[in-house]
């Protein structure tokens, strides 16, 4: 089965950073969830999902981001999304007000800084 999505792990200090490229929908949401969770170590302060190259996301994908955020929060880890204003899914993220449930940043650097700051101040 073709996933129509590519998951690209990136190294960035102690925070896991994963880029998503392609389309995220019901057909591949479980694959993406498993991949995201395998890229955040138990000792990592959190995970950043870079959605700058994600061309499509449906309601199952939106729900996935909320569920991953809640799961990591239970493990005392943070989760943040990177959705630049020019990203293909920027309008969708704005319409569903995902930023009210999961921190959304313009750059990976801002997201990593936000996670590091939230874990060192608490």
C-alpha atoms as a PDB file:
ATOM      1  CA  UNK A   1       0.000   0.000   0.000  1.00  0.00           C
ATOM      2  CA  UNK A   2       1.407   3.374  -0.988  1.00  0.00           C
ATOM      3  CA  UNK A   3       1.433   5.719   1.997  1.00  0.00           C
ATOM      4  CA  UNK A   4       1.422   9.003  -0.004  1.00  0.00           C
ATOM      5  CA  UNK A   5       3.430  10.444   2.868  1.00  0.00           C
ATOM      6  CA  UNK A   6       7.111  10.616   3.713  1.00  0.00           C
ATOM      7  CA  UNK A   7       8.396  10.943   7.255  1.00  0.00           C
ATOM      8  CA  UNK A   8      11.826  12.544   7.587  1.00  0.00           C
ATOM      9  CA  UNK A   9      13.472  12.410  11.028  1.00  0.00           C
ATOM     10  CA  UNK A  10      15.892  15.234  11.761  1.00  0.00           C
ATOM     11  CA  UNK A  11      18.416  15.730  14.519  1.00  0.00           C
ATOM     12  CA  UNK A  12      17.950  18.808  16.668  1.00  0.00           C
ATOM     13  CA  UNK A  13      19.470  18.845  20.158  1.00  0.00           C
ATOM     14  CA  UNK A  14      17.483  16.642  22.511  1.00  0.00           C
ATOM     15  CA  UNK A  15      14.117  17.433  20.919  1.00  0.00           C
ATOM     16  CA  UNK A  16      12.892  15.046  18.244  1.00  0.00           C
ATOM     17  CA  UNK A  17      12.092  16.755  14.942  1.00  0.00           C
ATOM     18  CA  UNK A  18      10.195  14.993  12.177  1.00  0.00           C
ATOM     19  CA  UNK A  19       9.221  16.445   8.810  1.00  0.00           C
ATOM     20  CA  UNK A  20       6.063  15.268   7.056  1.00  0.00           C
ATOM     21  CA  UNK A  21       5.769  15.494   3.280  1.00  0.00           C
ATOM     22  CA  UNK A  22       2.750  14.507   1.196  1.00  0.00           C
ATOM     23  CA  UNK A  23      -0.842  13.803   2.185  1.00  0.00           C
ATOM     24  CA  UNK A  24      -2.099  12.859   5.646  1.00  0.00           C
ATOM     25  CA  UNK A  25      -5.516  11.235   5.761  1.00  0.00           C
ATOM     26  CA  UNK A  26      -7.423   8.315   7.233  1.00  0.00           C
ATOM     27  CA  UNK A  27      -5.562   5.835   5.012  1.00  0.00           C
ATOM     28  CA  UNK A  28      -2.169   6.534   6.593  1.00  0.00           C
ATOM     29  CA  UNK A  29      -2.905   8.146   9.963  1.00  0.00           C
ATOM     30  CA  UNK A  30      -1.921   5.033  11.974  1.00  0.00           C
ATOM     31  CA  UNK A  31       1.381   4.756  10.103  1.00  0.00           C
ATOM     32  CA  UNK A  32       2.111   8.426  10.828  1.00  0.00           C
ATOM     33  CA  UNK A  33       1.170   8.101  14.504  1.00  0.00           C
ATOM     34  CA  UNK A  34       3.451   5.081  14.951  1.00  0.00           C
ATOM     35  CA  UNK A  35       6.288   6.871  13.142  1.00  0.00           C
ATOM     36  CA  UNK A  36       5.937  10.074  15.164  1.00  0.00           C
ATOM     37  CA  UNK A  37       5.938   8.243  18.483  1.00  0.00           C
ATOM     38  CA  UNK A  38       8.967   6.139  17.567  1.00  0.00           C
ATOM     39  CA  UNK A  39      10.964   9.341  16.950  1.00  0.00           C
ATOM     40  CA  UNK A  40      10.575  10.752  20.450  1.00  0.00           C
ATOM     41  CA  UNK A  41      12.753   9.074  23.037  1.00  0.00           C
ATOM     42  CA  UNK A  42      11.558   8.487  26.577  1.00  0.00           C
ATOM     43  CA  UNK A  43      14.112  11.000  27.845  1.00  0.00           C
ATOM     44  CA  UNK A  44      13.410  13.647  25.176  1.00  0.00           C
ATOM     45  CA  UNK A  45      11.617  16.805  26.305  1.00  0.00           C
ATOM     46  CA  UNK A  46       9.304  16.576  23.319  1.00  0.00           C
ATOM     47  CA  UNK A  47       8.681  16.287  19.611  1.00  0.00           C
ATOM     48  CA  UNK A  48       8.285  18.780  16.776  1.00  0.00           C
ATOM     49  CA  UNK A  49       6.349  17.854  13.625  1.00  0.00           C
ATOM     50  CA  UNK A  50       7.341  20.076  10.703  1.00  0.00           C
ATOM     51  CA  UNK A  51       4.301  20.308   8.418  1.00  0.00           C
ATOM     52  CA  UNK A  52       5.739  22.865   5.978  1.00  0.00           C
ATOM     53  CA  UNK A  53       5.738  20.285   3.150  1.00  0.00           C
ATOM     54  CA  UNK A  54       2.468  18.581   4.027  1.00  0.00           C
ATOM     55  CA  UNK A  55       0.178  19.196   1.053  1.00  0.00           C
ATOM     56  CA  UNK A  56      -3.077  17.870   2.530  1.00  0.00           C
ATOM     57  CA  UNK A  57      -4.540  16.954   5.906  1.00  0.00           C
ATOM     58  CA  UNK A  58      -8.065  15.720   6.656  1.00  0.00           C
ATOM     59  CA  UNK A  59      -9.963  15.504   9.939  1.00  0.00           C
ATOM     60  CA  UNK A  60      -8.257  12.207  10.837  1.00  0.00           C
ATOM     61  CA  UNK A  61      -4.890  13.951  10.560  1.00  0.00           C
ATOM     62  CA  UNK A  62      -6.049  16.876  12.712  1.00  0.00           C
ATOM     63  CA  UNK A  63      -7.310  14.421  15.327  1.00  0.00           C
ATOM     64  CA  UNK A  64      -3.962  12.597  15.177  1.00  0.00           C
ATOM     65  CA  UNK A  65      -2.067  15.764  16.146  1.00  0.00           C
ATOM     66  CA  UNK A  66      -4.352  16.344  19.130  1.00  0.00           C
ATOM     67  CA  UNK A  67      -4.042  12.720  20.256  1.00  0.00           C
ATOM     68  CA  UNK A  68      -0.234  12.703  19.940  1.00  0.00           C
ATOM     69  CA  UNK A  69      -0.099  15.949  21.925  1.00  0.00           C
ATOM     70  CA  UNK A  70      -2.258  14.471  24.690  1.00  0.00           C
ATOM     71  CA  UNK A  71      -0.261  11.250  24.786  1.00  0.00           C
ATOM     72  CA  UNK A  72       3.065  13.066  25.042  1.00  0.00           C
ATOM     73  CA  UNK A  73       1.645  15.414  27.668  1.00  0.00           C
ATOM     74  CA  UNK A  74       0.739  12.386  29.805  1.00  0.00           C
ATOM     75  CA  UNK A  75       4.410  11.355  29.524  1.00  0.00           C
ATOM     76  CA  UNK A  76       5.465  14.865  30.608  1.00  0.00           C
ATOM     77  CA  UNK A  77       6.683  15.649  27.108  1.00  0.00           C
ATOM     78  CA  UNK A  78       5.720  18.500  24.820  1.00  0.00           C
ATOM     79  CA  UNK A  79       4.501  18.435  21.214  1.00  0.00           C
ATOM     80  CA  UNK A  80       4.578  21.283  18.736  1.00  0.00           C
ATOM     81  CA  UNK A  81       3.764  21.769  15.074  1.00  0.00           C
ATOM     82  CA  UNK A  82       5.527  23.899  12.489  1.00  0.00           C
ATOM     83  CA  UNK A  83       3.123  25.407   9.979  1.00  0.00           C
ATOM     84  CA  UNK A  84       4.595  28.429   8.172  1.00  0.00           C
ATOM     85  CA  UNK A  85       2.106  30.938   6.764  1.00  0.00           C
ATOM     86  CA  UNK A  86       3.014  29.810   3.227  1.00  0.00           C
ATOM     87  CA  UNK A  87       2.476  26.100   3.962  1.00  0.00           C
ATOM     88  CA  UNK A  88      -0.204  24.379   1.854  1.00  0.00           C
ATOM     89  CA  UNK A  89      -2.156  23.356   4.969  1.00  0.00           C
ATOM     90  CA  UNK A  90      -1.838  26.697   6.778  1.00  0.00           C
ATOM     91  CA  UNK A  91      -5.419  27.739   6.026  1.00  0.00           C
ATOM     92  CA  UNK A  92      -6.819  24.395   7.193  1.00  0.00           C
ATOM     93  CA  UNK A  93      -4.897  24.578  10.482  1.00  0.00           C
ATOM     94  CA  UNK A  94      -6.165  28.131  10.994  1.00  0.00           C
ATOM     95  CA  UNK A  95      -9.810  27.272  10.204  1.00  0.00           C
ATOM     96  CA  UNK A  96      -9.930  24.391  12.695  1.00  0.00           C
ATOM     97  CA  UNK A  97      -8.071  26.491  15.297  1.00  0.00           C
ATOM     98  CA  UNK A  98      -5.633  23.675  15.990  1.00  0.00           C
ATOM     99  CA  UNK A  99      -3.328  26.168  17.705  1.00  0.00           C
ATOM    100  CA  UNK A 100      -5.777  26.251  20.631  1.00  0.00           C
ATOM    101  CA  UNK A 101      -4.925  22.597  21.371  1.00  0.00           C
ATOM    102  CA  UNK A 102      -1.379  22.150  20.053  1.00  0.00           C
ATOM    103  CA  UNK A 103       1.311  24.861  19.886  1.00  0.00           C
ATOM    104  CA  UNK A 104       1.857  25.948  16.277  1.00  0.00           C
ATOM    105  CA  UNK A 105       5.047  27.782  15.256  1.00  0.00           C
ATOM    106  CA  UNK A 106       6.359  29.389  12.084  1.00  0.00           C
ATOM    107  CA  UNK A 107       9.815  27.740  12.233  1.00  0.00           C
ATOM    108  CA  UNK A 108      11.404  24.580  13.580  1.00  0.00           C
ATOM    109  CA  UNK A 109      13.777  26.711  15.644  1.00  0.00           C
ATOM    110  CA  UNK A 110      10.862  28.497  17.369  1.00  0.00           C
ATOM    111  CA  UNK A 111       9.134  25.189  18.071  1.00  0.00           C
ATOM    112  CA  UNK A 112      12.286  23.616  19.548  1.00  0.00           C
ATOM    113  CA  UNK A 113      12.914  26.720  21.683  1.00  0.00           C
ATOM    114  CA  UNK A 114       9.314  26.610  22.907  1.00  0.00           C
ATOM    115  CA  UNK A 115       9.629  22.983  23.973  1.00  0.00           C
ATOM    116  CA  UNK A 116      12.986  23.501  25.668  1.00  0.00           C
ATOM    117  CA  UNK A 117      11.668  26.593  27.485  1.00  0.00           C
ATOM    118  CA  UNK A 118       8.498  24.811  28.631  1.00  0.00           C
ATOM    119  CA  UNK A 119      10.438  21.873  30.040  1.00  0.00           C
ATOM    120  CA  UNK A 120      13.082  23.942  31.799  1.00  0.00           C
ATOM    121  CA  UNK A 121      10.641  26.403  33.378  1.00  0.00           C
ATOM    122  CA  UNK A 122       8.360  23.735  34.822  1.00  0.00           C
END
